[in-house]
Amino acid sequence: MSVIAVLSVNMVTANMLLSVFFLSGALADCPQKSKLFITAPKKMEALRGSCLQIPCNFRAKSEQEFNSSRETFGAWIKTDPRFGLYPNNEIFNSSKTVNTYPMNITGNLSQKNCTTLFSSLITSYTDKYYFRIMNWPFRATADCDPLQITVKDSPPSPTIEISGDLKEKQSVTITCSAFTPCPHSPPKLTWNLQQDSHNQIEENTDGTFTTKIQESITLSDQHDGYNITCSVRYPVNEGKDNKTAEERKTLSVSYAPKDTSVSISPSGLVSAGSWVNLTCSSRAKPPVSRFTWFKNSKDGPMIVSEGPFYSFNVTDGGVYYCVATNDLGNQSSSWIHLNSADSPPSPRIEISGDLKDDEPVTITCSAFTPCPHSPPKLTWNLQQDSHNQIEENTDGTFTTKIQESITLSDQHDGYNITCSVRYPVNEGKDNKTAEERKTLSVSYAPKDTSVSISPSGLVSAGSLVNLTCSSRAKPPVSRFTWFKNSKDGPMNVSEGPFYSLNVTDGGDYYCVATNDFGTQSSSWINLNSAVNPEFGVFVYVKILGIVMLYSTIIIFE
């Protein structure tokens, strides 16, 4: 009996091993086993509270077995395709015998299209799904083509892509795209580039969808370091709620040298035979790889040195400049005139304080004064008859100065300060003159913020009107924000310089322009709707209680 028992155990063990072997072989050679195959993504992600469209097409291993003229039903099975062993795994059947999960086959099964809409998703729906066809007597499950569906609580961030070289003067196309699991309820993309960009829904090669916004721009050095921010808003719970995500990308733009300039030390009048140091500075990306110094001669510019610094002995003076070069180009500085003792030095203009709106600054023009007993005379285009002051320096030399304190405003931006010096020579019988000029660059908060409306005139009921916010500021306005007045106070309705709305909404609107130095609100623009028996709805625009004729709109139904 014990020998028989051992043989029985060995046979059972052998049978189990054979079963495992053949099962593994079947899974490894799945196409030979399955009678049905589907074309669909292998993995799909969805958002809780939203829907998921599953692109799906099927084919039978033997095309003769499927007959499109016969009544056909489709089913979805989760976890394990063997629903005979696990009947609860069948969660949807188009015959309406099973409808455990909120699914609906929208494709035409007779045309082998099994596209399915999966609605009202919850995280517990995360699972592996199999498609089954019933076309009696042909019945088969695509057990070789499982679809892994993952339902997440949070939406994925959008993707920002830039096509083209990130170099100044190059045209690039910037695209922000968002995963779109349900094209019937697509997400809404917005960004800090062109406002109200048109959202486009595109079908991918695998049958899924992507929502995109796009803009083409020509790059400049001002775009370097600019942050592109793109936000996506997904409607969930049948549009009652939203889930949002954001992506940010910083532009790194290469550009040729800019703002190339020369500084000199010591400044002022120097004796023949003295040494002076010139320094060339420039901003560039990649950084300047070569500085070249030139001196103007009767035969044209002559190279005198290489490198950011140039030191030399002053003899007869001359006109010098530098050229900064990188891989993308070069830029020359302004000429610098070096005067020996025979020619007077230019005066020097200095400004103490921040060059900002409403800030007090002191502007000083000073001139080297080799002989305080016969000092130079300074004049400028600021305060006339400014008092010339002679001050002794710590080294015992003297400087003549004129000075004025002013409070800056935006009107000072771009203003040219010109200061002239007149040196008496030959016991006052003659004069030698020099001049210096400096342009003010004043930063200020937004000014003259206003709203315009388009179109004006006759429009159809339900049409969109476009509001445009404009403002001047330095640095330029970084953010425009639109508000609508409500009983609970101002309500933020949009971002960006443009805002489109349906004229039938009516209400009081205004925009706020913002930069690093402050904000300014526009006047209110009032859109009022009133029924007119002849024209339908008459919408008029009122700013601060005054009806503006230029922006009158008539709605004609």
Protein backbone atom coordinates (compact mmCIF):
# COMPACT_ATOMS: atom_id res chain seq x y z
CA MET A 1 0.00 0.00 0.00
CA SER A 2 2.80 2.46 0.80
CA VAL A 3 4.39 1.87 -2.62
CA ILE A 4 1.03 2.58 -4.33
CA ALA A 5 0.62 5.71 -2.26
CA VAL A 6 4.05 6.99 -3.22
CA LEU A 7 3.35 6.31 -6.89
CA SER A 8 0.03 8.17 -6.60
CA VAL A 9 1.72 11.20 -5.05
CA ASN A 10 4.39 11.20 -7.74
CA MET A 11 1.75 11.03 -10.48
CA VAL A 12 -0.19 13.95 -8.96
CA THR A 13 3.03 15.95 -8.68
CA ALA A 14 3.92 15.16 -12.27
CA ASN A 15 0.45 16.18 -13.43
CA MET A 16 0.72 19.51 -11.53
CA LEU A 17 4.12 20.21 -13.05
CA LEU A 18 2.81 19.42 -16.52
CA SER A 19 -0.17 21.71 -15.94
CA VAL A 20 2.11 24.55 -14.88
CA PHE A 21 4.38 23.88 -17.84
CA PHE A 22 1.58 23.91 -20.37
CA LEU A 23 -0.09 26.97 -18.77
CA SER A 24 3.17 28.89 -18.88
CA GLY A 25 3.68 27.85 -22.48
CA ALA A 26 0.17 29.04 -23.36
CA LEU A 27 0.74 32.44 -21.76
CA ALA A 28 4.09 32.78 -23.48
CA ASP A 29 2.49 31.94 -26.82
CA CYS A 30 -0.73 33.88 -26.21
CA PRO A 31 -1.65 34.61 -29.87
CA GLN A 32 -1.99 30.89 -30.53
CA LYS A 33 -4.36 30.54 -27.64
CA SER A 34 -6.66 33.54 -28.04
CA LYS A 35 -9.45 33.73 -30.63
CA LEU A 36 -10.01 37.49 -30.22
CA PHE A 37 -7.66 40.46 -30.31
CA ILE A 38 -8.27 44.15 -29.70
CA THR A 39 -6.35 47.27 -30.73
CA ALA A 40 -6.37 49.63 -27.74
CA PRO A 41 -3.84 51.34 -25.46
CA LYS A 42 -2.15 48.99 -23.01
CA LYS A 43 -2.41 51.50 -20.17
CA MET A 44 -4.74 54.44 -19.60
CA GLU A 45 -5.06 56.96 -16.79
CA ALA A 46 -8.26 58.71 -15.75
CA LEU A 47 -9.35 61.32 -13.21
CA ARG A 48 -11.74 60.56 -10.37
CA GLY A 49 -15.12 62.17 -11.04
CA SER A 50 -14.53 62.42 -14.79
CA CYS A 51 -14.92 59.98 -17.68
CA LEU A 52 -12.61 57.94 -19.89
CA GLN A 53 -13.03 57.18 -23.58
CA ILE A 54 -11.40 53.87 -24.48
CA PRO A 55 -10.49 53.68 -28.20
CA CYS A 56 -11.00 50.07 -29.24
CA ASN A 57 -11.18 47.91 -32.35
CA PHE A 58 -11.28 44.09 -32.47
CA ARG A 59 -10.59 41.23 -34.87
CA ALA A 60 -11.21 37.51 -34.70
CA LYS A 61 -8.32 35.10 -35.19
CA SER A 62 -10.40 33.38 -37.83
CA GLU A 63 -12.33 36.02 -39.74
CA GLN A 64 -14.83 33.40 -40.90
CA GLU A 65 -16.02 32.93 -37.31
CA PHE A 66 -17.28 36.51 -36.91
CA ASN A 67 -20.36 37.43 -38.93
CA SER A 68 -21.30 41.10 -38.84
CA SER A 69 -24.85 40.32 -39.95
CA ARG A 70 -25.51 38.44 -36.72
CA GLU A 71 -26.59 40.16 -33.51
CA THR A 72 -23.46 41.13 -31.60
CA PHE A 73 -22.89 42.07 -27.97
CA GLY A 74 -19.77 43.26 -26.21
CA ALA A 75 -18.72 42.87 -22.59
CA TRP A 76 -15.98 44.10 -20.30
CA ILE A 77 -14.42 41.88 -17.64
CA LYS A 78 -12.11 43.04 -14.88
CA THR A 79 -9.12 41.46 -13.14
CA ASP A 80 -9.31 37.92 -14.63
CA PRO A 81 -10.73 37.09 -18.09
CA ARG A 82 -12.10 33.73 -16.95
CA PHE A 83 -15.54 35.02 -16.02
CA GLY A 84 -16.82 31.43 -16.07
CA LEU A 85 -14.77 30.91 -12.94
CA TYR A 86 -15.33 34.47 -11.69
CA PRO A 87 -18.80 35.55 -12.85
CA ASN A 88 -18.68 38.75 -10.78
CA ASN A 89 -15.75 39.92 -12.89
CA GLU A 90 -18.09 40.75 -15.79
CA ILE A 91 -18.94 44.37 -15.04
CA PHE A 92 -20.64 45.45 -18.27
CA ASN A 93 -22.55 43.74 -21.10
CA SER A 94 -24.12 45.67 -23.98
CA SER A 95 -27.04 43.22 -23.91
CA LYS A 96 -27.99 45.10 -20.72
CA THR A 97 -27.83 41.92 -18.69
CA VAL A 98 -24.94 43.34 -16.68
CA ASN A 99 -24.37 47.01 -15.91
CA THR A 100 -22.34 47.00 -12.69
CA TYR A 101 -19.99 49.78 -13.84
CA PRO A 102 -21.15 52.97 -15.65
CA MET A 103 -19.92 51.99 -19.11
CA ASN A 104 -21.37 52.29 -22.61
CA ILE A 105 -20.01 50.87 -25.85
CA THR A 106 -20.28 53.79 -28.28
CA GLY A 107 -18.57 52.04 -31.21
CA ASN A 108 -20.44 50.03 -33.85
CA LEU A 109 -19.73 46.39 -32.96
CA SER A 110 -20.85 45.15 -36.39
CA GLN A 111 -17.97 47.24 -37.80
CA LYS A 112 -15.59 45.77 -35.19
CA ASN A 113 -15.46 49.05 -33.28
CA CYS A 114 -15.55 48.49 -29.51
CA THR A 115 -14.86 52.10 -28.41
CA THR A 116 -16.27 52.51 -24.91
CA LEU A 117 -17.14 55.45 -22.67
CA PHE A 118 -16.40 54.80 -18.98
CA SER A 119 -18.21 57.42 -16.81
CA SER A 120 -18.24 58.70 -13.21
CA LEU A 121 -14.92 57.09 -12.38
CA ILE A 122 -13.82 56.36 -8.83
CA THR A 123 -10.42 55.21 -7.64
CA SER A 124 -11.65 51.66 -6.87
CA TYR A 125 -12.18 51.21 -10.63
CA THR A 126 -8.39 50.96 -10.98
CA ASP A 127 -7.94 47.46 -12.43
CA LYS A 128 -7.06 45.35 -15.46
CA TYR A 129 -9.86 45.02 -18.05
CA TYR A 130 -10.57 42.52 -20.84
CA PHE A 131 -12.97 42.81 -23.77
CA ARG A 132 -15.28 39.96 -24.82
CA ILE A 133 -17.42 39.58 -27.95
CA MET A 134 -20.60 37.51 -28.33
CA ASN A 135 -21.60 36.83 -31.95
CA TRP A 136 -23.31 33.49 -31.64
CA PRO A 137 -22.07 30.88 -32.10
CA PHE A 138 -18.77 32.79 -32.01
CA ARG A 139 -17.81 33.92 -28.50
CA ALA A 140 -14.34 34.89 -27.41
CA THR A 141 -12.38 37.02 -24.91
CA ALA A 142 -9.31 39.09 -25.84
CA ASP A 143 -7.40 37.61 -22.92
CA CYS A 144 -4.04 38.47 -24.60
CA ASP A 145 -4.87 42.20 -24.73
CA PRO A 146 -5.55 43.44 -21.20
CA LEU A 147 -6.10 47.16 -20.62
CA GLN A 148 -4.74 48.58 -17.37
CA ILE A 149 -6.90 51.53 -16.19
CA THR A 150 -5.62 53.68 -13.32
CA VAL A 151 -7.98 56.22 -11.74
CA LYS A 152 -6.21 59.03 -9.89
CA ASP A 153 -7.37 61.71 -7.47
CA SER A 154 -5.15 64.43 -8.93
CA PRO A 155 -4.78 65.41 -12.58
CA PRO A 156 -1.40 65.23 -14.31
CA SER A 157 0.42 68.49 -14.97
CA PRO A 158 0.28 69.84 -18.51
CA THR A 159 3.37 69.60 -20.74
CA ILE A 160 5.17 72.65 -22.16
CA GLU A 161 7.17 72.04 -25.33
CA ILE A 162 9.22 74.49 -27.39
CA SER A 163 10.13 73.75 -30.99
CA GLY A 164 13.03 75.70 -32.47
CA ASP A 165 16.38 77.09 -31.32
CA LEU A 166 16.27 79.20 -28.16
CA LYS A 167 18.27 82.04 -29.69
CA GLU A 168 17.42 85.69 -30.18
CA LYS A 169 15.72 86.55 -33.49
CA GLN A 170 14.67 82.90 -33.88
CA SER A 171 10.97 82.07 -34.26
CA VAL A 172 9.81 79.29 -31.93
CA THR A 173 6.47 77.61 -31.37
CA ILE A 174 5.47 77.09 -27.74
CA THR A 175 2.84 74.41 -27.06
CA CYS A 176 1.11 73.51 -23.82
CA SER A 177 -0.73 70.20 -23.94
CA ALA A 178 -2.90 68.28 -21.50
CA PHE A 179 -3.87 64.64 -21.32
CA THR A 180 -7.54 64.40 -22.37
CA PRO A 181 -9.06 61.11 -21.18
CA CYS A 182 -12.58 62.23 -22.03
CA PRO A 183 -12.95 64.39 -25.19
CA HIS A 184 -16.67 64.79 -24.35
CA SER A 185 -15.63 66.78 -21.27
CA PRO A 186 -12.21 68.22 -22.18
CA PRO A 187 -9.91 70.21 -19.89
CA LYS A 188 -9.39 73.97 -20.27
CA LEU A 189 -5.84 75.28 -20.72
CA THR A 190 -4.71 78.83 -19.90
CA TRP A 191 -1.26 80.42 -19.70
CA ASN A 192 0.57 83.70 -19.27
CA LEU A 193 1.33 84.06 -22.96
CA GLN A 194 -1.48 84.96 -25.36
CA GLN A 195 -4.70 85.22 -23.37
CA ASP A 196 -7.84 83.42 -24.52
CA SER A 197 -5.71 81.08 -26.62
CA HIS A 198 -7.85 78.71 -28.65
CA ASN A 199 -7.95 75.22 -27.10
CA GLN A 200 -7.56 72.53 -29.75
CA ILE A 201 -8.44 68.89 -29.19
CA GLU A 202 -6.35 66.52 -31.30
CA GLU A 203 -6.65 62.78 -31.76
CA ASN A 204 -3.45 60.81 -31.22
CA THR A 205 -2.36 57.83 -33.32
CA ASP A 206 -3.55 55.38 -30.65
CA GLY A 207 -7.07 56.87 -30.60
CA THR A 208 -6.59 58.85 -27.38
CA PHE A 209 -6.90 62.66 -27.30
CA THR A 210 -4.78 65.65 -26.29
CA THR A 211 -5.87 69.27 -25.66
CA LYS A 212 -3.40 71.96 -26.79
CA ILE A 213 -2.79 75.69 -26.88
CA GLN A 214 -0.04 77.11 -29.03
CA GLU A 215 1.75 80.37 -29.83
CA SER A 216 4.65 81.34 -32.09
CA ILE A 217 6.99 84.12 -30.96
CA THR A 218 10.25 85.66 -32.14
CA LEU A 219 12.77 85.52 -29.30
CA SER A 220 14.86 88.40 -27.96
CA ASP A 221 17.29 88.72 -25.07
CA GLN A 222 14.34 89.98 -22.98
CA HIS A 223 12.83 86.49 -23.10
CA ASP A 224 15.83 84.98 -21.31
CA GLY A 225 14.74 83.91 -17.83
CA TYR A 226 11.04 84.41 -18.65
CA ASN A 227 8.77 81.96 -16.86
CA ILE A 228 6.03 80.33 -18.93
CA THR A 229 3.20 79.15 -16.70
CA CYS A 230 0.47 76.87 -18.07
CA SER A 231 -2.57 75.76 -16.04
CA VAL A 232 -5.11 73.05 -16.79
CA ARG A 233 -8.61 72.82 -15.33
CA TYR A 234 -10.47 69.50 -15.55
CA PRO A 235 -14.27 69.48 -15.05
CA VAL A 236 -15.36 66.66 -12.72
CA ASN A 237 -18.63 65.48 -11.19
CA GLU A 238 -20.58 66.41 -14.33
CA GLY A 239 -19.04 69.88 -14.42
CA LYS A 240 -19.98 70.81 -10.86
CA ASP A 241 -16.36 70.89 -9.70
CA ASN A 242 -12.88 71.34 -11.14
CA LYS A 243 -9.45 69.88 -10.53
CA THR A 244 -6.41 71.88 -11.56
CA ALA A 245 -2.71 71.39 -12.21
CA GLU A 246 0.09 73.68 -13.35
CA GLU A 247 3.42 73.49 -15.14
CA ARG A 248 6.17 76.09 -15.38
CA LYS A 249 9.14 76.34 -17.73
CA THR A 250 11.87 79.00 -17.72
CA LEU A 251 13.19 80.14 -21.08
CA SER A 252 16.95 80.10 -21.52
CA VAL A 253 17.60 82.27 -24.57
CA SER A 254 21.06 82.78 -26.08
CA TYR A 255 21.89 86.22 -27.43
CA ALA A 256 24.74 88.30 -28.82
CA PRO A 257 26.43 90.93 -26.60
CA LYS A 258 24.23 93.78 -25.36
CA ASP A 259 24.83 97.07 -23.48
CA THR A 260 28.54 97.05 -24.30
CA SER A 261 30.23 100.02 -22.63
CA VAL A 262 33.63 101.39 -21.54
CA SER A 263 34.58 102.87 -18.19
CA ILE A 264 37.81 104.73 -17.44
CA SER A 265 40.01 105.13 -14.35
CA PRO A 266 41.10 107.60 -13.25
CA SER A 267 38.53 109.95 -14.72
CA GLY A 268 39.09 113.59 -15.35
CA LEU A 269 42.09 115.46 -16.71
CA VAL A 270 45.32 113.47 -16.65
CA SER A 271 48.84 114.60 -17.36
CA ALA A 272 50.65 113.49 -20.48
CA GLY A 273 52.63 110.35 -19.68
CA SER A 274 50.16 109.15 -17.03
CA TRP A 275 48.56 105.69 -17.11
CA VAL A 276 44.83 105.14 -17.56
CA ASN A 277 42.82 101.93 -17.29
CA LEU A 278 39.89 101.15 -19.60
CA THR A 279 37.37 98.45 -18.74
CA CYS A 280 34.95 96.91 -21.26
CA SER A 281 31.71 95.38 -19.95
CA SER A 282 28.86 93.62 -21.74
CA ARG A 283 26.08 91.14 -21.04
CA ALA A 284 25.76 88.12 -23.32
CA LYS A 285 24.66 84.49 -23.34
CA PRO A 286 26.88 82.56 -23.64
CA PRO A 287 29.25 85.03 -21.91
CA VAL A 288 31.55 87.20 -24.00
CA SER A 289 34.43 85.06 -25.28
CA ARG A 290 36.56 87.91 -26.65
CA PHE A 291 37.03 91.63 -25.98
CA THR A 292 38.92 93.61 -28.61
CA TRP A 293 40.16 97.20 -28.21
CA PHE A 294 40.37 99.67 -31.11
CA LYS A 295 41.82 103.15 -31.52
CA ASN A 296 40.61 105.36 -34.34
CA SER A 297 43.34 106.56 -36.65
CA LYS A 298 43.51 108.43 -39.96
CA ASP A 299 43.74 105.00 -41.63
CA GLY A 300 40.69 103.67 -39.82
CA PRO A 301 40.20 101.58 -36.63
CA MET A 302 43.41 99.96 -35.36
CA ILE A 303 43.46 96.98 -32.96
CA VAL A 304 45.49 97.92 -29.89
CA SER A 305 44.68 95.17 -27.35
CA GLU A 306 42.67 92.05 -26.44
CA GLY A 307 40.83 91.31 -23.18
CA PRO A 308 38.34 93.14 -20.94
CA PHE A 309 40.98 95.57 -19.60
CA TYR A 310 43.34 97.91 -21.41
CA SER A 311 46.00 99.99 -19.66
CA PHE A 312 48.20 102.43 -21.53
CA ASN A 313 50.23 105.61 -21.22
CA VAL A 314 48.40 108.78 -22.20
CA THR A 315 50.35 110.93 -24.57
CA ASP A 316 48.30 112.63 -27.25
CA GLY A 317 44.93 111.13 -26.21
CA GLY A 318 42.70 109.64 -28.86
CA VAL A 319 39.38 107.92 -29.49
CA TYR A 320 39.00 104.34 -28.22
CA TYR A 321 36.26 101.72 -28.15
CA CYS A 322 35.89 98.00 -27.49
CA VAL A 323 34.07 95.19 -29.29
CA ALA A 324 32.51 92.30 -27.29
CA THR A 325 32.09 88.99 -29.12
CA ASN A 326 30.46 85.62 -28.43
CA ASP A 327 29.28 82.73 -30.64
CA LEU A 328 26.14 84.64 -31.69
CA GLY A 329 27.62 87.97 -32.70
CA ASN A 330 29.36 91.10 -31.49
CA GLN A 331 28.64 94.65 -30.34
CA SER A 332 30.77 97.79 -30.21
CA SER A 333 30.80 100.22 -27.32
CA SER A 334 30.43 103.95 -27.73
CA TRP A 335 33.63 105.87 -28.43
CA ILE A 336 35.51 107.20 -25.46
CA HIS A 337 37.56 110.37 -26.01
CA LEU A 338 40.77 110.59 -24.02
CA ASN A 339 41.99 114.15 -23.70
CA SER A 340 45.50 115.10 -22.71
CA ALA A 341 46.19 118.33 -20.86
CA ASP A 342 45.52 120.26 -24.08
CA SER A 343 41.83 119.29 -24.06
CA PRO A 344 39.38 119.58 -21.17
CA PRO A 345 37.73 116.42 -19.78
CA SER A 346 33.98 116.02 -19.97
CA PRO A 347 32.04 116.73 -16.78
CA ARG A 348 30.58 113.83 -14.84
CA ILE A 349 26.87 113.33 -14.07
CA GLU A 350 25.97 111.27 -10.99
CA ILE A 351 22.56 110.36 -9.56
CA SER A 352 22.14 109.23 -5.95
CA GLY A 353 19.00 107.29 -5.11
CA ASP A 354 16.74 104.74 -6.77
CA LEU A 355 15.46 105.65 -10.23
CA LYS A 356 11.84 104.91 -9.33
CA ASP A 357 8.59 106.83 -9.48
CA ASP A 358 7.96 109.01 -6.38
CA GLU A 359 11.58 108.56 -5.18
CA PRO A 360 13.69 111.67 -4.34
CA VAL A 361 17.11 111.71 -6.02
CA THR A 362 20.01 114.12 -6.04
CA ILE A 363 21.62 114.83 -9.42
CA THR A 364 25.16 116.18 -9.43
CA CYS A 365 27.32 117.40 -12.30
CA SER A 366 30.98 117.80 -11.41
CA ALA A 367 34.07 119.01 -13.25
CA PHE A 368 37.77 118.50 -12.59
CA THR A 369 39.19 121.78 -11.28
CA PRO A 370 42.97 121.95 -11.72
CA CYS A 371 43.07 125.63 -10.79
CA PRO A 372 40.57 126.69 -8.12
CA HIS A 373 41.64 130.34 -8.61
CA SER A 374 40.30 130.12 -12.16
CA PRO A 375 37.56 127.50 -11.88
CA PRO A 376 35.42 126.14 -14.71
CA LYS A 377 31.78 127.16 -15.13
CA LEU A 378 29.10 124.43 -15.17
CA THR A 379 25.66 124.81 -16.76
CA TRP A 380 22.93 122.26 -17.50
CA ASN A 381 19.34 121.88 -18.66
CA LEU A 382 17.96 121.33 -15.17
CA GLN A 383 17.76 124.29 -12.78
CA GLN A 384 19.01 127.39 -14.56
CA ASP A 385 21.70 129.53 -12.88
CA SER A 386 22.56 126.63 -10.58
CA HIS A 387 25.10 127.66 -7.97
CA ASN A 388 28.62 126.40 -8.79
CA GLN A 389 30.33 125.03 -5.68
CA ILE A 390 34.06 124.37 -5.44
CA GLU A 391 34.94 121.52 -3.05
CA GLU A 392 38.32 120.30 -1.91
CA ASN A 393 38.92 116.57 -2.31
CA THR A 394 40.68 114.35 0.22
CA ASP A 395 43.87 114.40 -1.90
CA GLY A 396 44.01 118.19 -1.92
CA THR A 397 42.66 118.62 -5.47
CA PHE A 398 39.44 120.47 -6.21
CA THR A 399 36.12 119.73 -7.94
CA THR A 400 33.44 122.15 -9.16
CA LYS A 401 29.84 120.96 -8.76
CA ILE A 402 26.25 121.89 -9.44
CA GLN A 403 23.47 119.95 -7.80
CA GLU A 404 19.69 119.56 -7.72
CA SER A 405 17.25 117.32 -5.82
CA ILE A 406 14.05 116.24 -7.53
CA THR A 407 11.26 113.73 -6.92
CA LEU A 408 11.02 111.43 -9.89
CA SER A 409 7.87 110.63 -11.84
CA ASP A 410 7.13 108.54 -14.91
CA GLN A 411 7.52 111.75 -16.94
CA HIS A 412 11.25 111.75 -16.18
CA ASP A 413 11.77 108.40 -17.92
CA GLY A 414 13.82 108.94 -21.06
CA TYR A 415 14.71 112.52 -20.10
CA ASN A 416 18.19 113.63 -21.27
CA ILE A 417 20.32 115.52 -18.75
CA THR A 418 22.96 117.64 -20.53
CA CYS A 419 25.78 119.27 -18.55
CA SER A 420 28.42 121.56 -20.09
CA VAL A 421 31.69 122.84 -18.66
CA ARG A 422 33.61 125.95 -19.78
CA TYR A 423 37.27 126.32 -18.78
CA PRO A 424 38.81 129.83 -18.95
CA VAL A 425 42.28 129.81 -20.58
CA ASN A 426 44.86 132.41 -21.57
CA GLU A 427 44.05 134.54 -18.51
CA GLY A 428 40.35 134.40 -19.29
CA LYS A 429 40.65 135.62 -22.86
CA ASP A 430 39.53 132.26 -24.29
CA ASN A 431 37.50 129.23 -23.26
CA LYS A 432 37.65 125.50 -23.81
CA THR A 433 34.42 123.49 -23.43
CA ALA A 434 33.26 119.90 -22.98
CA GLU A 435 29.87 118.30 -22.49
CA GLU A 436 28.31 115.18 -20.95
CA ARG A 437 24.84 113.68 -21.41
CA LYS A 438 22.94 111.08 -19.40
CA THR A 439 19.48 109.63 -20.10
CA LEU A 440 17.22 108.86 -17.12
CA SER A 441 15.66 105.41 -16.97
CA VAL A 442 12.88 105.66 -14.37
CA SER A 443 10.83 102.64 -13.23
CA TYR A 444 7.20 103.25 -12.41
CA ALA A 445 3.98 101.46 -11.55
CA PRO A 446 1.23 101.12 -14.20
CA LYS A 447 -0.22 104.38 -15.50
CA ASP A 448 -3.18 105.31 -17.72
CA THR A 449 -4.81 101.90 -17.23
CA SER A 450 -7.95 101.73 -19.36
CA VAL A 451 -10.39 99.30 -20.97
CA SER A 452 -11.58 99.26 -24.59
CA ILE A 453 -14.34 97.11 -26.06
CA SER A 454 -14.75 95.39 -29.44
CA PRO A 455 -16.81 95.07 -31.50
CA SER A 456 -19.03 98.11 -31.28
CA GLY A 457 -22.22 98.46 -33.27
CA LEU A 458 -24.71 95.77 -34.22
CA VAL A 459 -24.05 92.21 -32.94
CA SER A 460 -26.22 89.11 -32.54
CA ALA A 461 -27.72 88.10 -29.20
CA GLY A 462 -25.42 85.72 -27.38
CA SER A 463 -22.35 87.03 -29.22
CA LEU A 464 -19.01 87.48 -27.52
CA VAL A 465 -17.48 90.91 -26.93
CA ASN A 466 -13.79 91.41 -26.30
CA LEU A 467 -12.46 93.68 -23.56
CA THR A 468 -8.84 94.86 -23.83
CA CYS A 469 -6.86 96.26 -20.91
CA SER A 470 -3.97 98.60 -21.73
CA SER A 471 -1.47 100.33 -19.48
CA ARG A 472 2.02 101.79 -19.68
CA ALA A 473 4.55 100.74 -17.06
CA LYS A 474 8.27 100.18 -16.57
CA PRO A 475 9.08 97.35 -16.33
CA PRO A 476 6.12 96.35 -18.54
CA VAL A 477 2.93 95.08 -16.92
CA SER A 478 3.53 91.51 -15.74
CA ARG A 479 -0.09 90.68 -14.93
CA PHE A 480 -3.52 91.90 -16.00
CA THR A 481 -6.45 90.80 -13.81
CA TRP A 482 -10.15 91.18 -14.66
CA PHE A 483 -12.83 91.72 -12.03
CA LYS A 484 -16.61 91.77 -12.09
CA ASN A 485 -18.50 93.55 -9.36
CA SER A 486 -20.97 91.35 -7.50
CA LYS A 487 -23.09 91.70 -4.39
CA ASP A 488 -20.25 90.04 -2.47
CA GLY A 489 -17.66 92.45 -3.84
CA PRO A 490 -15.21 92.26 -6.76
CA MET A 491 -14.91 88.77 -8.26
CA ASN A 492 -11.82 87.67 -10.22
CA VAL A 493 -13.05 86.43 -13.63
CA SER A 494 -9.93 86.24 -15.82
CA GLU A 495 -6.20 86.87 -16.22
CA GLY A 496 -4.40 88.52 -19.15
CA PRO A 497 -4.80 91.67 -21.24
CA PHE A 498 -7.84 90.31 -23.09
CA TYR A 499 -11.20 89.06 -21.79
CA SER A 500 -14.06 87.71 -23.91
CA LEU A 501 -17.57 87.38 -22.52
CA ASN A 502 -21.15 86.93 -23.65
CA VAL A 503 -22.90 90.30 -23.93
CA THR A 504 -26.04 88.96 -22.31
CA ASP A 505 -24.17 88.49 -19.01
CA GLY A 506 -24.05 92.26 -18.35
CA GLY A 507 -22.44 93.67 -15.22
CA ASP A 508 -19.65 96.04 -14.10
CA TYR A 509 -16.12 95.06 -15.17
CA TYR A 510 -12.68 96.53 -14.67
CA CYS A 511 -9.08 95.43 -15.00
CA VAL A 512 -6.04 95.82 -12.73
CA ALA A 513 -2.55 96.16 -14.23
CA THR A 514 0.40 95.01 -12.08
CA ASN A 515 4.18 95.16 -12.27
CA ASP A 516 6.94 94.96 -9.63
CA PHE A 517 6.26 98.54 -8.49
CA GLY A 518 2.52 98.50 -7.96
CA THR A 519 -0.93 98.24 -9.48
CA GLN A 520 -3.53 100.47 -11.07
CA SER A 521 -7.22 99.81 -11.72
CA SER A 522 -9.05 100.98 -14.79
CA SER A 523 -12.39 102.78 -14.64
CA TRP A 524 -15.42 100.53 -14.46
CA ILE A 525 -16.99 99.51 -17.72
CA ASN A 526 -20.68 98.82 -17.29
CA LEU A 527 -22.44 96.39 -19.64
CA ASN A 528 -26.21 96.77 -19.22
CA SER A 529 -28.84 94.76 -21.07
CA ALA A 530 -32.38 96.01 -21.69
CA VAL A 531 -35.17 94.56 -23.88
CA ASN A 532 -36.06 96.77 -26.83
CA PRO A 533 -39.26 95.90 -28.75
CA GLU A 534 -37.75 96.95 -32.08
CA PHE A 535 -34.17 95.71 -31.80
CA GLY A 536 -34.39 92.87 -29.26
CA VAL A 537 -31.76 93.43 -26.59
CA PHE A 538 -29.99 96.79 -26.33
CA VAL A 539 -26.63 96.64 -24.56
CA TYR A 540 -24.92 99.89 -23.72
CA VAL A 541 -21.56 100.54 -22.14
CA LYS A 542 -21.13 103.09 -19.41
CA ILE A 543 -17.86 104.17 -17.80
CA LEU A 544 -18.17 105.91 -14.42
CA GLY A 545 -21.84 106.67 -15.08
CA ILE A 546 -21.26 108.29 -18.51
CA VAL A 547 -22.74 106.53 -21.53
CA MET A 548 -19.93 106.07 -24.08
CA LEU A 549 -21.27 106.39 -27.64
CA TYR A 550 -18.19 104.81 -29.22
CA SER A 551 -18.86 101.49 -27.49
CA THR A 552 -22.64 101.24 -27.86
CA ILE A 553 -23.68 97.72 -28.84
CA ILE A 554 -27.07 96.68 -30.21
CA ILE A 555 -28.03 93.03 -30.05
CA PHE A 556 -30.29 92.04 -32.96
CA GLU A 557 -32.25 88.80 -32.60
